[in-house]
Amino acid sequence: MDALAHLKNRLFALTSRGALLRIAAALGIEGMEQRHTYAIINAIREHQPFDLAQILAQLSDIELKMLASDLGHRLTTREERLQALLGPTPVAATPTPAARPAAPVPAAPPATPAPRPVAPPPRPPLAPPAPPAPRGLPAPVALDEAFTLAPPSSRAPRSRRAPSRLPGAHEEAFVAIDFETADHGRDSACAVALVRVEQGQIVRRMAWLIRPPRRQMIHTHVHGITWAMVANQPTFAELWPRLAPALEGAAYLVAHNAPFDRSVLRACCAAAGIPEPPQDFECTVQMAKRLWALPQSNLPFLCQRFGIPLKHHDAASDAEACARLVLLARGQQAGHGTP
């Protein structure tokens, strides 16, 4: 894979939905607000010309820092990160080379400063200002002094559904679940992972590839799963009887962006003629918004913030990260530094 293709893949893996919508708007792609994240990514990837400089300009400083750090660039300013990301890649092949950043600014600035090479368009702030996070993340999962519950005025409003049960009591058992899908159909699960927690400890991990009902693998660029990898795997109907016992006695299921995983489970059960599990779903996205005064609530940001290992869009890694976020919140709620 060349440098530009690798940068594109990591860009979409680490970028929030809000930034994806800004990118789509900057490229003139309309009607994305109600589309699933995968559909927004595909629309951006298929847009011609693919103006990387214009896309990077839509990222927030922290998203740009995460992307540069993920690709091995340890830089301090936004301009340096943009320069590093655009410089080594073959961006000149795009029809809009003028969007590339200029050479590094000399020590003595000119009398009339030149415009910034890649300046993001004015936009309203994504979130209320939050205390800055420390530069270095500790190796263990630990909470620093700057980490506090958000004041009531900054917490996300309650939805119309029943109040969230997260983070819940220490003794409550729950199962974190994550699906990856092959195409835009909710019945196209191609991977699933379950992580069971009892008495505040992870006691069981299960992860499987699934043969989806169609050969079309639209989302391979997101999760890396190809048809060759799943062609000989069990279908959801064949696999679910092996997984269902892991849910027995669990108070609820947990997912990061639970509406998506709930809809996949519901569609796959319906297609297979299998009853849905009786447990309700709880969402760690909503938990993070409600409990923590942080600028973002996507999984890569939260895991980087709290030192939780993550291989994003790997079902096993995503499910375990989701479970550890709940344990982290329980530990903080109980007044402990670690879950």
Protein backbone atom coordinates (compact mmCIF):
# COMPACT_ATOMS: atom_id res chain seq x y z
CA MET A 1 0.00 0.00 0.00
CA ASP A 2 1.48 3.41 -0.96
CA ALA A 3 1.84 6.27 1.52
CA LEU A 4 -1.22 8.17 0.30
CA ALA A 5 -3.49 5.10 0.45
CA HIS A 6 -2.27 4.32 3.97
CA LEU A 7 -2.89 7.92 5.03
CA LYS A 8 -6.45 7.76 3.66
CA ASN A 9 -7.19 4.56 5.57
CA ARG A 10 -5.90 5.93 8.87
CA LEU A 11 -7.66 9.24 8.24
CA PHE A 12 -11.05 7.56 8.11
CA ALA A 13 -10.29 5.23 11.02
CA LEU A 14 -9.41 8.11 13.37
CA THR A 15 -11.82 10.84 12.25
CA SER A 16 -15.05 11.63 14.10
CA ARG A 17 -18.46 11.67 12.40
CA GLY A 18 -18.61 15.45 12.88
CA ALA A 19 -15.35 15.91 10.99
CA LEU A 20 -16.54 13.55 8.24
CA LEU A 21 -19.64 15.71 7.78
CA ARG A 22 -17.46 18.84 7.59
CA ILE A 23 -15.24 17.16 4.99
CA ALA A 24 -18.28 16.15 2.91
CA ALA A 25 -19.63 19.70 3.06
CA ALA A 26 -16.26 21.18 2.06
CA LEU A 27 -16.12 18.86 -0.96
CA GLY A 28 -19.67 19.78 -1.96
CA ILE A 29 -21.16 16.36 -1.14
CA GLU A 30 -24.75 16.91 -0.05
CA GLY A 31 -27.35 14.91 1.86
CA MET A 32 -24.96 13.13 4.23
CA GLU A 33 -26.43 14.23 7.58
CA GLN A 34 -28.81 11.27 7.87
CA ARG A 35 -26.44 8.70 6.35
CA HIS A 36 -24.47 6.08 8.26
CA THR A 37 -20.79 6.81 8.92
CA TYR A 38 -19.71 4.14 6.44
CA ALA A 39 -21.81 5.80 3.71
CA ILE A 40 -20.19 9.18 4.42
CA ILE A 41 -16.71 7.63 4.22
CA ASN A 42 -17.50 5.93 0.90
CA ALA A 43 -18.88 9.17 -0.57
CA ILE A 44 -15.69 11.03 0.39
CA ARG A 45 -13.40 8.28 -0.90
CA GLU A 46 -15.22 8.15 -4.25
CA HIS A 47 -15.24 11.93 -4.68
CA GLN A 48 -13.06 13.19 -7.51
CA PRO A 49 -10.74 14.96 -7.18
CA PHE A 50 -9.65 13.66 -3.77
CA ASP A 51 -8.17 16.87 -2.36
CA LEU A 52 -6.23 15.67 0.67
CA ALA A 53 -5.16 19.16 1.75
CA GLN A 54 -8.77 20.37 1.75
CA ILE A 55 -9.82 17.29 3.73
CA LEU A 56 -7.10 17.64 6.37
CA ALA A 57 -8.05 21.30 6.80
CA GLN A 58 -11.44 20.21 8.21
CA LEU A 59 -9.92 18.22 11.09
CA SER A 60 -9.79 19.64 14.58
CA ASP A 61 -6.37 20.14 16.14
CA ILE A 62 -6.75 17.05 18.31
CA GLU A 63 -7.86 14.84 15.38
CA LEU A 64 -4.92 16.10 13.34
CA LYS A 65 -2.61 15.35 16.28
CA MET A 66 -4.02 11.81 16.59
CA LEU A 67 -3.57 11.18 12.86
CA ALA A 68 -0.01 12.51 12.80
CA SER A 69 0.90 10.55 15.94
CA ASP A 70 -0.62 7.36 14.51
CA LEU A 71 1.62 7.74 11.44
CA GLY A 72 4.73 8.34 13.57
CA HIS A 73 5.01 12.13 13.40
CA ARG A 74 5.83 13.67 16.81
CA LEU A 75 5.23 17.35 16.05
CA THR A 76 3.90 20.25 18.09
CA THR A 77 2.06 22.70 15.80
CA ARG A 78 -0.83 22.30 13.40
CA GLU A 79 1.23 23.64 10.49
CA GLU A 80 4.03 21.13 11.15
CA ARG A 81 1.56 18.24 11.23
CA LEU A 82 -0.08 19.34 7.98
CA GLN A 83 3.35 19.73 6.37
CA ALA A 84 4.41 16.25 7.49
CA LEU A 85 1.17 14.59 6.36
CA LEU A 86 1.07 16.29 2.97
CA GLY A 87 4.81 16.41 2.23
CA PRO A 88 5.80 12.75 1.80
CA THR A 89 2.63 11.73 -0.02
CA PRO A 90 2.11 12.03 -3.81
CA VAL A 91 -0.43 14.80 -3.50
CA ALA A 92 0.80 16.44 -6.72
CA ALA A 93 -1.22 13.87 -8.65
CA THR A 94 -4.42 15.60 -7.59
CA PRO A 95 -5.83 18.36 -9.82
CA THR A 96 -5.57 20.97 -7.03
CA PRO A 97 -1.88 21.26 -6.09
CA ALA A 98 -2.40 24.84 -4.93
CA ALA A 99 -3.94 23.51 -1.73
CA ARG A 100 -0.60 22.02 -0.60
CA PRO A 101 1.09 23.84 2.28
CA ALA A 102 3.94 26.23 1.51
CA ALA A 103 7.54 25.71 2.60
CA PRO A 104 8.30 26.14 6.32
CA VAL A 105 8.03 29.75 7.49
CA PRO A 106 11.50 31.38 7.79
CA ALA A 107 12.74 32.62 11.15
CA ALA A 108 12.27 36.28 10.15
CA PRO A 109 8.64 36.77 9.09
CA PRO A 110 7.97 39.04 6.07
CA ALA A 111 6.47 42.47 6.53
CA THR A 112 3.16 41.23 5.17
CA PRO A 113 2.56 37.71 6.49
CA ALA A 114 1.44 35.22 3.88
CA PRO A 115 -1.82 33.38 4.50
CA ARG A 116 -1.62 30.05 6.28
CA PRO A 117 -1.08 27.24 3.74
CA VAL A 118 -4.09 25.21 4.79
CA ALA A 119 -6.52 27.20 6.87
CA PRO A 120 -9.76 25.55 8.05
CA PRO A 121 -12.90 27.49 7.16
CA PRO A 122 -14.62 29.29 10.06
CA ARG A 123 -17.00 27.03 11.89
CA PRO A 124 -18.74 26.99 15.27
CA PRO A 125 -16.93 25.09 18.03
CA LEU A 126 -17.77 21.40 18.25
CA ALA A 127 -18.04 21.36 22.02
CA PRO A 128 -17.77 23.66 25.04
CA PRO A 129 -14.17 24.33 26.07
CA ALA A 130 -12.75 21.55 28.21
CA PRO A 131 -9.68 21.40 30.45
CA PRO A 132 -6.65 20.48 28.32
CA ALA A 133 -5.60 16.84 28.51
CA PRO A 134 -2.06 16.05 29.62
CA ARG A 135 0.41 15.48 26.78
CA GLY A 136 1.55 12.04 27.90
CA LEU A 137 -0.76 9.12 28.65
CA PRO A 138 0.36 6.86 31.49
CA ALA A 139 0.95 3.21 30.72
CA PRO A 140 -1.73 1.95 33.17
CA VAL A 141 -5.34 3.06 32.93
CA ALA A 142 -5.38 5.86 35.47
CA LEU A 143 -7.36 9.05 36.02
CA ASP A 144 -5.46 12.29 36.52
CA GLU A 145 -6.54 15.24 38.64
CA ALA A 146 -7.96 17.09 35.63
CA PHE A 147 -10.50 14.30 35.05
CA THR A 148 -13.79 15.20 36.74
CA LEU A 149 -17.47 14.71 36.19
CA ALA A 150 -18.88 17.33 33.89
CA PRO A 151 -20.96 20.05 35.55
CA PRO A 152 -24.71 19.52 35.06
CA SER A 153 -24.95 22.37 32.54
CA SER A 154 -22.51 20.66 30.16
CA ARG A 155 -23.97 17.17 30.29
CA ALA A 156 -25.77 15.82 27.26
CA PRO A 157 -29.56 15.98 27.53
CA ARG A 158 -31.38 12.79 28.36
CA SER A 159 -33.01 10.99 25.49
CA ARG A 160 -36.66 9.98 25.53
CA ARG A 161 -35.80 6.37 26.28
CA ALA A 162 -35.39 5.09 29.83
CA PRO A 163 -32.49 6.62 31.79
CA SER A 164 -29.16 4.97 31.12
CA ARG A 165 -28.03 2.30 33.58
CA LEU A 166 -24.37 3.02 32.92
CA PRO A 167 -21.93 2.86 34.53
CA GLY A 168 -24.02 0.65 36.84
CA ALA A 169 -23.19 -1.15 40.07
CA HIS A 170 -19.94 -3.08 40.52
CA GLU A 171 -21.71 -6.41 40.91
CA GLU A 172 -23.90 -6.07 37.78
CA ALA A 173 -22.89 -8.43 34.98
CA PHE A 174 -22.98 -7.09 31.42
CA VAL A 175 -21.77 -8.05 27.95
CA ALA A 176 -20.07 -5.62 25.57
CA ILE A 177 -20.81 -6.40 21.93
CA ASP A 178 -19.45 -5.10 18.63
CA PHE A 179 -20.37 -5.90 15.02
CA GLU A 180 -18.64 -5.19 11.73
CA THR A 181 -20.76 -5.22 8.57
CA ALA A 182 -19.97 -6.13 4.98
CA ASP A 183 -22.30 -3.70 3.20
CA HIS A 184 -24.97 -1.12 3.92
CA GLY A 185 -27.52 -3.77 4.97
CA ARG A 186 -27.88 -4.23 8.72
CA ASP A 187 -28.15 -8.00 8.17
CA SER A 188 -24.63 -8.14 6.67
CA ALA A 189 -22.66 -8.80 9.87
CA CYS A 190 -19.22 -10.17 8.95
CA ALA A 191 -17.66 -10.13 12.44
CA VAL A 192 -18.91 -10.09 16.02
CA ALA A 193 -17.23 -9.99 19.42
CA LEU A 194 -18.61 -10.42 22.95
CA VAL A 195 -16.81 -9.45 26.16
CA ARG A 196 -18.52 -10.54 29.39
CA VAL A 197 -17.92 -8.70 32.68
CA GLU A 198 -18.83 -10.07 36.12
CA GLN A 199 -18.01 -8.48 39.51
CA GLY A 200 -15.95 -5.81 37.80
CA GLN A 201 -13.73 -8.29 35.92
CA ILE A 202 -13.61 -9.44 32.30
CA VAL A 203 -14.34 -13.16 32.51
CA ARG A 204 -14.93 -14.16 28.90
CA ARG A 205 -13.97 -13.01 25.39
CA MET A 206 -15.47 -14.37 22.17
CA ALA A 207 -14.84 -13.19 18.59
CA TRP A 208 -15.91 -14.72 15.29
CA LEU A 209 -15.95 -13.94 11.60
CA ILE A 210 -19.36 -14.43 9.98
CA ARG A 211 -20.27 -15.26 6.39
CA PRO A 212 -22.67 -12.45 5.38
CA PRO A 213 -25.67 -13.13 3.12
CA ARG A 214 -24.08 -11.31 0.15
CA ARG A 215 -20.61 -11.50 -1.43
CA GLN A 216 -20.36 -7.72 -1.78
CA MET A 217 -17.81 -6.40 0.75
CA ILE A 218 -18.23 -2.63 0.62
CA HIS A 219 -16.60 -1.87 3.97
CA THR A 220 -13.36 -3.82 3.60
CA HIS A 221 -11.42 -0.54 3.62
CA VAL A 222 -12.80 0.13 7.12
CA HIS A 223 -12.24 -3.20 8.90
CA GLY A 224 -9.97 -5.12 6.50
CA ILE A 225 -12.29 -8.14 6.20
CA THR A 226 -12.52 -9.62 2.69
CA TRP A 227 -14.85 -12.19 1.16
CA ALA A 228 -12.02 -14.74 1.07
CA MET A 229 -11.74 -14.42 4.86
CA VAL A 230 -15.43 -15.12 5.52
CA ALA A 231 -16.45 -17.42 2.64
CA ASN A 232 -15.98 -20.56 4.75
CA GLN A 233 -17.10 -19.10 8.08
CA PRO A 234 -20.47 -19.91 9.74
CA THR A 235 -23.52 -17.81 8.98
CA PHE A 236 -25.12 -15.81 11.76
CA ALA A 237 -27.86 -18.44 12.10
CA GLU A 238 -25.21 -21.15 12.53
CA LEU A 239 -23.04 -19.11 14.90
CA TRP A 240 -25.50 -17.45 17.26
CA PRO A 241 -26.39 -20.62 19.26
CA ARG A 242 -22.71 -20.80 20.28
CA LEU A 243 -22.67 -17.15 21.39
CA ALA A 244 -26.06 -16.82 23.10
CA PRO A 245 -25.02 -18.64 26.32
CA ALA A 246 -22.49 -15.86 27.00
CA LEU A 247 -25.46 -13.46 27.44
CA GLU A 248 -27.24 -15.51 30.10
CA GLY A 249 -27.65 -13.62 33.37
CA ALA A 250 -26.31 -10.35 31.94
CA ALA A 251 -28.20 -7.28 33.10
CA TYR A 252 -27.78 -5.52 29.73
CA LEU A 253 -25.69 -5.35 26.57
CA VAL A 254 -23.26 -2.47 26.00
CA ALA A 255 -21.94 -1.06 22.72
CA HIS A 256 -20.18 2.09 21.60
CA ASN A 257 -22.85 3.73 19.40
CA ALA A 258 -25.39 1.17 20.58
CA PRO A 259 -28.14 2.04 18.03
CA PHE A 260 -25.94 0.64 15.25
CA ASP A 261 -25.03 -2.64 16.96
CA ARG A 262 -28.60 -3.09 18.23
CA SER A 263 -29.96 -2.67 14.69
CA VAL A 264 -27.42 -5.16 13.30
CA LEU A 265 -28.33 -7.75 15.95
CA ARG A 266 -32.03 -7.19 15.35
CA ALA A 267 -31.70 -7.51 11.55
CA CYS A 268 -29.51 -10.61 11.74
CA CYS A 269 -31.88 -12.30 14.20
CA ALA A 270 -34.85 -11.47 12.00
CA ALA A 271 -33.14 -12.81 8.88
CA ALA A 272 -32.16 -16.02 10.70
CA GLY A 273 -35.55 -16.50 12.36
CA ILE A 274 -33.94 -16.33 15.81
CA PRO A 275 -35.52 -14.51 18.79
CA GLU A 276 -33.68 -11.38 19.86
CA PRO A 277 -31.89 -11.47 23.22
CA PRO A 278 -34.09 -10.07 26.02
CA GLN A 279 -31.47 -7.62 27.33
CA ASP A 280 -31.68 -3.89 26.69
CA PHE A 281 -28.80 -2.06 25.05
CA GLU A 282 -26.81 0.67 26.80
CA CYS A 283 -24.50 3.06 24.96
CA THR A 284 -21.01 4.14 26.04
CA VAL A 285 -21.14 7.12 23.65
CA GLN A 286 -24.05 8.54 25.66
CA MET A 287 -22.36 7.55 28.92
CA ALA A 288 -19.22 9.47 27.95
CA LYS A 289 -21.22 12.55 26.94
CA ARG A 290 -23.20 12.45 30.16
CA LEU A 291 -20.38 11.82 32.62
CA TRP A 292 -17.21 13.35 31.21
CA ALA A 293 -16.38 16.90 30.16
CA LEU A 294 -14.40 15.89 27.06
CA PRO A 295 -14.43 17.47 23.59
CA GLN A 296 -15.22 14.19 21.79
CA SER A 297 -16.82 10.84 22.52
CA ASN A 298 -15.63 8.64 19.64
CA LEU A 299 -13.86 5.43 20.59
CA PRO A 300 -10.31 6.29 19.35
CA PHE A 301 -10.36 9.60 21.23
CA LEU A 302 -11.60 8.07 24.50
CA CYS A 303 -9.14 5.19 24.32
CA GLN A 304 -6.22 7.53 23.68
CA ARG A 305 -7.40 9.81 26.49
CA PHE A 306 -7.56 6.99 29.05
CA GLY A 307 -4.72 4.77 27.83
CA ILE A 308 -6.96 1.90 26.69
CA PRO A 309 -5.40 -0.25 23.91
CA LEU A 310 -7.43 -0.15 20.70
CA LYS A 311 -7.25 -1.53 17.19
CA HIS A 312 -10.22 0.35 15.83
CA HIS A 313 -12.77 -1.56 13.71
CA ASP A 314 -11.44 -4.87 14.98
CA ALA A 315 -14.56 -6.27 16.65
CA ALA A 316 -12.68 -7.95 19.53
CA SER A 317 -10.68 -4.79 20.30
CA ASP A 318 -13.69 -2.47 20.02
CA ALA A 319 -15.84 -4.66 22.30
CA GLU A 320 -13.12 -4.91 24.97
CA ALA A 321 -12.47 -1.15 24.81
CA CYS A 322 -16.20 -0.56 25.31
CA ALA A 323 -16.22 -2.85 28.36
CA ARG A 324 -13.18 -1.11 29.82
CA LEU A 325 -14.83 2.30 29.45
CA VAL A 326 -17.70 1.06 31.62
CA LEU A 327 -15.24 -0.33 34.19
CA LEU A 328 -13.33 2.96 34.11
CA ALA A 329 -16.53 4.90 34.80
CA ARG A 330 -17.49 2.53 37.62
CA GLY A 331 -14.08 2.95 39.22
CA GLN A 332 -14.31 6.74 38.96
CA GLN A 333 -17.83 6.70 40.35
CA ALA A 334 -16.63 4.64 43.32
CA GLY A 335 -13.80 7.12 43.92
CA HIS A 336 -10.95 4.90 42.77
CA GLY A 337 -8.20 5.95 40.39
CA THR A 338 -8.41 2.77 38.31
CA PRO A 339 -11.36 0.51 37.49
